[in-house]
PDB file of N, CA and C in Angstrom:
ATOM      1  N   MET A   1       3.799   9.193 -28.941  1.00  0.00           N
ATOM      2  CA  MET A   1       2.744   8.219 -28.709  1.00  0.00           C
ATOM      3  C   MET A   1       3.279   8.107 -27.047  1.00  0.00           C
ATOM      4  N   THR A   2       2.177   8.202 -26.076  1.00  0.00           N
ATOM      5  CA  THR A   2       2.224   8.096 -24.657  1.00  0.00           C
ATOM      6  C   THR A   2       1.685   6.823 -24.409  1.00  0.00           C
ATOM      7  N   GLN A   3       2.231   5.782 -23.554  1.00  0.00           N
ATOM      8  CA  GLN A   3       1.647   4.451 -23.198  1.00  0.00           C
ATOM      9  C   GLN A   3       0.899   4.865 -21.891  1.00  0.00           C
ATOM     10  N   ASP A   4      -0.244   4.275 -21.737  1.00  0.00           N
ATOM     11  CA  ASP A   4      -0.925   4.359 -20.302  1.00  0.00           C
ATOM     12  C   ASP A   4      -0.292   3.414 -19.451  1.00  0.00           C
ATOM     13  N   VAL A   5       0.196   3.853 -18.207  1.00  0.00           N
ATOM     14  CA  VAL A   5       1.049   2.700 -17.245  1.00  0.00           C
ATOM     15  C   VAL A   5       0.182   2.971 -16.105  1.00  0.00           C
ATOM     16  N   HIS A   6       0.017   1.714 -15.699  1.00  0.00           N
ATOM     17  CA  HIS A   6      -1.161   1.579 -14.527  1.00  0.00           C
ATOM     18  C   HIS A   6      -0.044   0.698 -13.311  1.00  0.00           C
ATOM     19  N   PRO A   7       0.521   1.301 -12.160  1.00  0.00           N
ATOM     20  CA  PRO A   7       1.068   0.942 -11.602  1.00  0.00           C
ATOM     21  C   PRO A   7       0.770  -0.366 -10.663  1.00  0.00           C
ATOM     22  N   VAL A   8       1.406  -1.803 -10.817  1.00  0.00           N
ATOM     23  CA  VAL A   8       0.971  -2.754 -10.246  1.00  0.00           C
ATOM     24  C   VAL A   8       1.115  -3.022  -8.748  1.00  0.00           C
ATOM     25  N   PRO A   9      -0.244  -3.422  -7.768  1.00  0.00           N
ATOM     26  CA  PRO A   9       0.050  -2.981  -6.557  1.00  0.00           C
ATOM     27  C   PRO A   9       0.918  -4.018  -6.051  1.00  0.00           C
ATOM     28  N   ASP A  10       1.539  -3.660  -4.786  1.00  0.00           N
ATOM     29  CA  ASP A  10       2.528  -4.620  -4.000  1.00  0.00           C
ATOM     30  C   ASP A  10       1.772  -5.641  -3.686  1.00  0.00           C
ATOM     31  N   LYS A  11       2.426  -6.758  -3.887  1.00  0.00           N
ATOM     32  CA  LYS A  11       1.938  -7.954  -3.075  1.00  0.00           C
ATOM     33  C   LYS A  11       2.406  -7.966  -1.823  1.00  0.00           C
ATOM     34  N   ASP A  12       1.507  -8.372  -0.868  1.00  0.00           N
ATOM     35  CA  ASP A  12       1.925  -8.583   0.483  1.00  0.00           C
ATOM     36  C   ASP A  12       2.841  -9.740   0.766  1.00  0.00           C
ATOM     37  N   PRO A  13       4.038  -9.562   1.368  1.00  0.00           N
ATOM     38  CA  PRO A  13       5.077 -10.570   1.893  1.00  0.00           C
ATOM     39  C   PRO A  13       4.425 -11.992   2.155  1.00  0.00           C
ATOM     40  N   GLU A  14       3.610 -11.746   2.871  1.00  0.00           N
ATOM     41  CA  GLU A  14       2.551 -12.860   3.464  1.00  0.00           C
ATOM     42  C   GLU A  14       2.207 -13.682   2.344  1.00  0.00           C
ATOM     43  N   ASP A  15       1.975 -13.351   1.123  1.00  0.00           N
ATOM     44  CA  ASP A  15       1.499 -14.079  -0.191  1.00  0.00           C
ATOM     45  C   ASP A  15       2.530 -14.515  -0.945  1.00  0.00           C
ATOM     46  N   TRP A  16       3.793 -14.313  -0.720  1.00  0.00           N
ATOM     47  CA  TRP A  16       4.901 -14.530  -1.781  1.00  0.00           C
ATOM     48  C   TRP A  16       4.868 -16.265  -1.713  1.00  0.00           C
ATOM     49  N   THR A  17       5.202 -16.824  -2.650  1.00  0.00           N
ATOM     50  CA  THR A  17       5.382 -18.253  -2.757  1.00  0.00           C
ATOM     51  C   THR A  17       6.952 -18.602  -2.144  1.00  0.00           C
ATOM     52  N   THR A  18       7.837 -17.517  -2.265  1.00  0.00           N
ATOM     53  CA  THR A  18       8.876 -17.829  -1.843  1.00  0.00           C
ATOM     54  C   THR A  18       9.516 -16.897  -0.713  1.00  0.00           C
ATOM     55  N   GLY A  19       8.526 -16.600   0.206  1.00  0.00           N
ATOM     56  CA  GLY A  19       8.625 -15.452   1.307  1.00  0.00           C
ATOM     57  C   GLY A  19       9.619 -16.247   2.319  1.00  0.00           C
ATOM     58  N   ASP A  20       9.295 -17.479   2.422  1.00  0.00           N
ATOM     59  CA  ASP A  20       9.994 -18.355   3.800  1.00  0.00           C
ATOM     60  C   ASP A  20      11.306 -18.620   3.234  1.00  0.00           C
ATOM     61  N   GLU A  21      11.984 -18.419   2.065  1.00  0.00           N
ATOM     62  CA  GLU A  21      13.394 -18.629   1.782  1.00  0.00           C
ATOM     63  C   GLU A  21      14.109 -17.570   2.288  1.00  0.00           C
ATOM     64  N   PRO A  22      15.607 -17.607   2.502  1.00  0.00           N
ATOM     65  CA  PRO A  22      16.306 -16.627   2.794  1.00  0.00           C
ATOM     66  C   PRO A  22      16.341 -15.649   2.090  1.00  0.00           C
ATOM     67  N   MET A  23      16.668 -14.319   2.925  1.00  0.00           N
ATOM     68  CA  MET A  23      16.718 -13.173   2.162  1.00  0.00           C
ATOM     69  C   MET A  23      17.883 -13.324   1.100  1.00  0.00           C
ATOM     70  N   THR A  24      17.732 -12.557   0.135  1.00  0.00           N
ATOM     71  CA  THR A  24      18.551 -12.493  -1.094  1.00  0.00           C
ATOM     72  C   THR A  24      19.683 -11.391  -0.691  1.00  0.00           C
ATOM     73  N   GLY A  25      20.929 -11.486  -1.319  1.00  0.00           N
ATOM     74  CA  GLY A  25      22.016 -10.649  -1.122  1.00  0.00           C
ATOM     75  C   GLY A  25      21.691  -9.188  -1.301  1.00  0.00           C
ATOM     76  N   PRO A  26      21.130  -8.767  -2.141  1.00  0.00           N
ATOM     77  CA  PRO A  26      20.647  -7.274  -2.245  1.00  0.00           C
ATOM     78  C   PRO A  26      19.892  -6.983  -1.250  1.00  0.00           C
ATOM     79  N   GLN A  27      18.938  -7.895  -0.441  1.00  0.00           N
ATOM     80  CA  GLN A  27      17.997  -7.191   0.386  1.00  0.00           C
ATOM     81  C   GLN A  27      19.286  -7.256   1.779  1.00  0.00           C
ATOM     82  N   GLU A  28      20.041  -7.902   1.911  1.00  0.00           N
ATOM     83  CA  GLU A  28      20.803  -8.227   2.998  1.00  0.00           C
ATOM     84  C   GLU A  28      21.586  -6.844   2.956  1.00  0.00           C
ATOM     85  N   SER A  29      22.383  -6.451   1.665  1.00  0.00           N
ATOM     86  CA  SER A  29      23.250  -5.169   1.622  1.00  0.00           C
ATOM     87  C   SER A  29      22.186  -3.930   2.045  1.00  0.00           C
ATOM     88  N   TYR A  30      21.180  -3.837   1.428  1.00  0.00           N
ATOM     89  CA  TYR A  30      20.296  -3.062   1.514  1.00  0.00           C
ATOM     90  C   TYR A  30      20.024  -2.817   3.130  1.00  0.00           C
ATOM     91  N   LEU A  31      19.665  -3.665   3.608  1.00  0.00           N
ATOM     92  CA  LEU A  31      19.206  -3.784   5.111  1.00  0.00           C
ATOM     93  C   LEU A  31      20.339  -3.050   6.030  1.00  0.00           C
ATOM     94  N   ASN A  32      21.535  -3.809   5.557  1.00  0.00           N
ATOM     95  CA  ASN A  32      22.765  -3.169   6.266  1.00  0.00           C
ATOM     96  C   ASN A  32      22.802  -1.767   6.391  1.00  0.00           C
ATOM     97  N   THR A  33      22.734  -1.227   4.914  1.00  0.00           N
ATOM     98  CA  THR A  33      22.743   0.396   4.815  1.00  0.00           C
ATOM     99  C   THR A  33      21.539   0.954   5.835  1.00  0.00           C
ATOM    100  N   LEU A  34      20.622   0.509   5.388  1.00  0.00           N
ATOM    101  CA  LEU A  34      19.252   1.163   6.535  1.00  0.00           C
ATOM    102  C   LEU A  34      19.712   1.121   7.683  1.00  0.00           C
ATOM    103  N   ALA A  35      19.807  -0.266   8.298  1.00  0.00           N
ATOM    104  CA  ALA A  35      20.112  -0.441   9.758  1.00  0.00           C
ATOM    105  C   ALA A  35      21.469   0.514  10.354  1.00  0.00           C
ATOM    106  N   GLN A  36      22.423   0.764   9.540  1.00  0.00           N
ATOM    107  CA  GLN A  36      23.352   1.442   9.985  1.00  0.00           C
ATOM    108  C   GLN A  36      22.947   2.917  10.000  1.00  0.00           C
ATOM    109  N   GLU A  37      22.280   3.520   9.112  1.00  0.00           N
ATOM    110  CA  GLU A  37      21.582   4.791   9.081  1.00  0.00           C
ATOM    111  C   GLU A  37      20.670   5.104  10.293  1.00  0.00           C
ATOM    112  N   ALA A  38      19.726   4.025  10.728  1.00  0.00           N
ATOM    113  CA  ALA A  38      18.972   4.086  11.741  1.00  0.00           C
ATOM    114  C   ALA A  38      19.552   3.734  13.151  1.00  0.00           C
ATOM    115  N   GLY A  39      20.712   3.087  13.009  1.00  0.00           N
ATOM    116  CA  GLY A  39      21.414   2.985  14.325  1.00  0.00           C
ATOM    117  C   GLY A  39      20.720   1.512  14.902  1.00  0.00           C
ATOM    118  N   GLU A  40      20.222   0.579  13.864  1.00  0.00           N
ATOM    119  CA  GLU A  40      19.692  -0.826  14.263  1.00  0.00           C
ATOM    120  C   GLU A  40      20.768  -1.947  13.771  1.00  0.00           C
ATOM    121  N   GLN A  41      20.455  -3.051  14.444  1.00  0.00           N
ATOM    122  CA  GLN A  41      21.170  -4.507  13.818  1.00  0.00           C
ATOM    123  C   GLN A  41      20.039  -5.140  13.216  1.00  0.00           C
ATOM    124  N   VAL A  42      20.770  -5.759  12.285  1.00  0.00           N
ATOM    125  CA  VAL A  42      20.016  -6.693  11.412  1.00  0.00           C
ATOM    126  C   VAL A  42      19.946  -7.977  11.841  1.00  0.00           C
ATOM    127  N   PRO A  43      18.552  -8.669  12.346  1.00  0.00           N
ATOM    128  CA  PRO A  43      18.627  -9.888  12.828  1.00  0.00           C
ATOM    129  C   PRO A  43      19.122 -11.072  11.839  1.00  0.00           C
ATOM    130  N   GLU A  44      19.900 -11.940  12.397  1.00  0.00           N
ATOM    131  CA  GLU A  44      20.375 -13.030  11.246  1.00  0.00           C
ATOM    132  C   GLU A  44      19.087 -13.851  10.742  1.00  0.00           C
ATOM    133  N   GLY A  45      19.279 -14.699   9.805  1.00  0.00           N
ATOM    134  CA  GLY A  45      18.260 -15.373   9.384  1.00  0.00           C
ATOM    135  C   GLY A  45      16.972 -14.948   8.881  1.00  0.00           C
ATOM    136  N   LEU A  46      17.063 -13.948   8.351  1.00  0.00           N
ATOM    137  CA  LEU A  46      15.618 -13.409   8.073  1.00  0.00           C
ATOM    138  C   LEU A  46      15.389 -14.037   6.976  1.00  0.00           C
ATOM    139  N   SER A  47      13.926 -14.113   6.654  1.00  0.00           N
ATOM    140  CA  SER A  47      13.334 -14.597   5.479  1.00  0.00           C
ATOM    141  C   SER A  47      12.991 -13.526   4.250  1.00  0.00           C
ATOM    142  N   LYS A  48      13.064 -13.875   3.124  1.00  0.00           N
ATOM    143  CA  LYS A  48      12.716 -12.850   2.049  1.00  0.00           C
ATOM    144  C   LYS A  48      11.586 -11.817   2.399  1.00  0.00           C
ATOM    145  N   ALA A  49      10.514 -12.453   3.019  1.00  0.00           N
ATOM    146  CA  ALA A  49       9.218 -11.765   3.652  1.00  0.00           C
ATOM    147  C   ALA A  49       9.736 -10.836   4.644  1.00  0.00           C
ATOM    148  N   ASP A  50      10.297 -11.308   5.619  1.00  0.00           N
ATOM    149  CA  ASP A  50      10.762 -10.517   7.001  1.00  0.00           C
ATOM    150  C   ASP A  50      11.787  -9.549   6.293  1.00  0.00           C
ATOM    151  N   ALA A  51      12.726  -9.812   5.467  1.00  0.00           N
ATOM    152  CA  ALA A  51      13.401  -9.023   5.111  1.00  0.00           C
ATOM    153  C   ALA A  51      12.606  -7.489   4.558  1.00  0.00           C
ATOM    154  N   SER A  52      11.795  -7.969   3.618  1.00  0.00           N
ATOM    155  CA  SER A  52      11.034  -6.875   2.846  1.00  0.00           C
ATOM    156  C   SER A  52      10.234  -5.853   3.827  1.00  0.00           C
ATOM    157  N   ARG A  53       9.607  -6.793   4.695  1.00  0.00           N
ATOM    158  CA  ARG A  53       9.047  -5.818   5.946  1.00  0.00           C
ATOM    159  C   ARG A  53      10.126  -4.847   6.639  1.00  0.00           C
ATOM    160  N   LEU A  54      11.045  -5.394   7.115  1.00  0.00           N
ATOM    161  CA  LEU A  54      12.044  -4.628   7.581  1.00  0.00           C
ATOM    162  C   LEU A  54      12.519  -3.750   6.834  1.00  0.00           C
ATOM    163  N   ILE A  55      13.009  -3.803   5.690  1.00  0.00           N
ATOM    164  CA  ILE A  55      13.353  -2.833   4.639  1.00  0.00           C
ATOM    165  C   ILE A  55      12.155  -1.714   4.726  1.00  0.00           C
ATOM    166  N   ASP A  56      11.022  -1.758   4.618  1.00  0.00           N
ATOM    167  CA  ASP A  56       9.785  -0.983   4.507  1.00  0.00           C
ATOM    168  C   ASP A  56       9.702  -0.247   5.668  1.00  0.00           C
ATOM    169  N   GLU A  57       9.937  -0.758   7.029  1.00  0.00           N
ATOM    170  CA  GLU A  57      10.088  -0.248   8.195  1.00  0.00           C
ATOM    171  C   GLU A  57      11.124   0.645   8.404  1.00  0.00           C
ATOM    172  N   LEU A  58      12.414   0.333   7.835  1.00  0.00           N
ATOM    173  CA  LEU A  58      13.522   1.108   8.107  1.00  0.00           C
ATOM    174  C   LEU A  58      13.589   2.417   6.950  1.00  0.00           C
ATOM    175  N   GLN A  59      13.195   2.053   5.960  1.00  0.00           N
ATOM    176  CA  GLN A  59      13.056   3.168   4.539  1.00  0.00           C
ATOM    177  C   GLN A  59      11.907   4.101   5.477  1.00  0.00           C
ATOM    178  N   ALA A  60      10.956   4.011   6.231  1.00  0.00           N
ATOM    179  CA  ALA A  60       9.957   5.011   6.500  1.00  0.00           C
ATOM    180  C   ALA A  60      10.873   5.515   7.761  1.00  0.00           C
ATOM    181  N   ARG A  61      11.661   4.956   8.824  1.00  0.00           N
ATOM    182  CA  ARG A  61      12.287   5.684   9.654  1.00  0.00           C
ATOM    183  C   ARG A  61      13.306   6.436   9.059  1.00  0.00           C
ATOM    184  N   THR A  62      14.219   6.279   8.128  1.00  0.00           N
ATOM    185  CA  THR A  62      15.215   7.010   7.422  1.00  0.00           C
ATOM    186  C   THR A  62      14.927   7.909   6.578  1.00  0.00           C
ATOM    187  N   GLY A  63      13.624   7.788   5.804  1.00  0.00           N
ATOM    188  CA  GLY A  63      13.170   8.689   4.718  1.00  0.00           C
ATOM    189  C   GLY A  63      13.975   8.137   3.489  1.00  0.00           C
ATOM    190  N   ARG A  64      14.710   6.831   3.364  1.00  0.00           N
ATOM    191  CA  ARG A  64      15.080   6.380   2.009  1.00  0.00           C
ATOM    192  C   ARG A  64      13.872   5.952   1.508  1.00  0.00           C
ATOM    193  N   GLY A  65      14.357   5.789  -0.097  1.00  0.00           N
ATOM    194  CA  GLY A  65      13.029   5.153  -0.771  1.00  0.00           C
ATOM    195  C   GLY A  65      11.809   5.674  -1.006  1.00  0.00           C
ATOM    196  N   THR A  66      11.743   6.898  -0.281  1.00  0.00           N
ATOM    197  CA  THR A  66      10.474   7.660  -0.647  1.00  0.00           C
ATOM    198  C   THR A  66      10.632   8.555  -1.965  1.00  0.00           C
ATOM    199  N   ASP A  67       9.689   9.101  -2.596  1.00  0.00           N
ATOM    200  CA  ASP A  67       9.623   9.794  -3.748  1.00  0.00           C
ATOM    201  C   ASP A  67       9.814  11.263  -3.327  1.00  0.00           C
ATOM    202  N   SER A  68       9.749  11.625  -2.104  1.00  0.00           N
ATOM    203  CA  SER A  68       9.801  13.160  -1.729  1.00  0.00           C
ATOM    204  C   SER A  68      11.475  13.429  -1.439  1.00  0.00           C
TER     205      SER A  68
END
């Protein structure tokens, strides 16, 4: 039996209720990895929402996190 799976649309970080809290440890770790690959520095004191946006940007630049 196959279940019908519908992807849940991503919620805009601007709409996150906890978006202004400091980024999480996993976000910081992943950002450091992406930034190193992109030759960038991770700004200090990022919020969860800002970290998410930067992750998206760096994934696009490095090709990480894509399905291809």
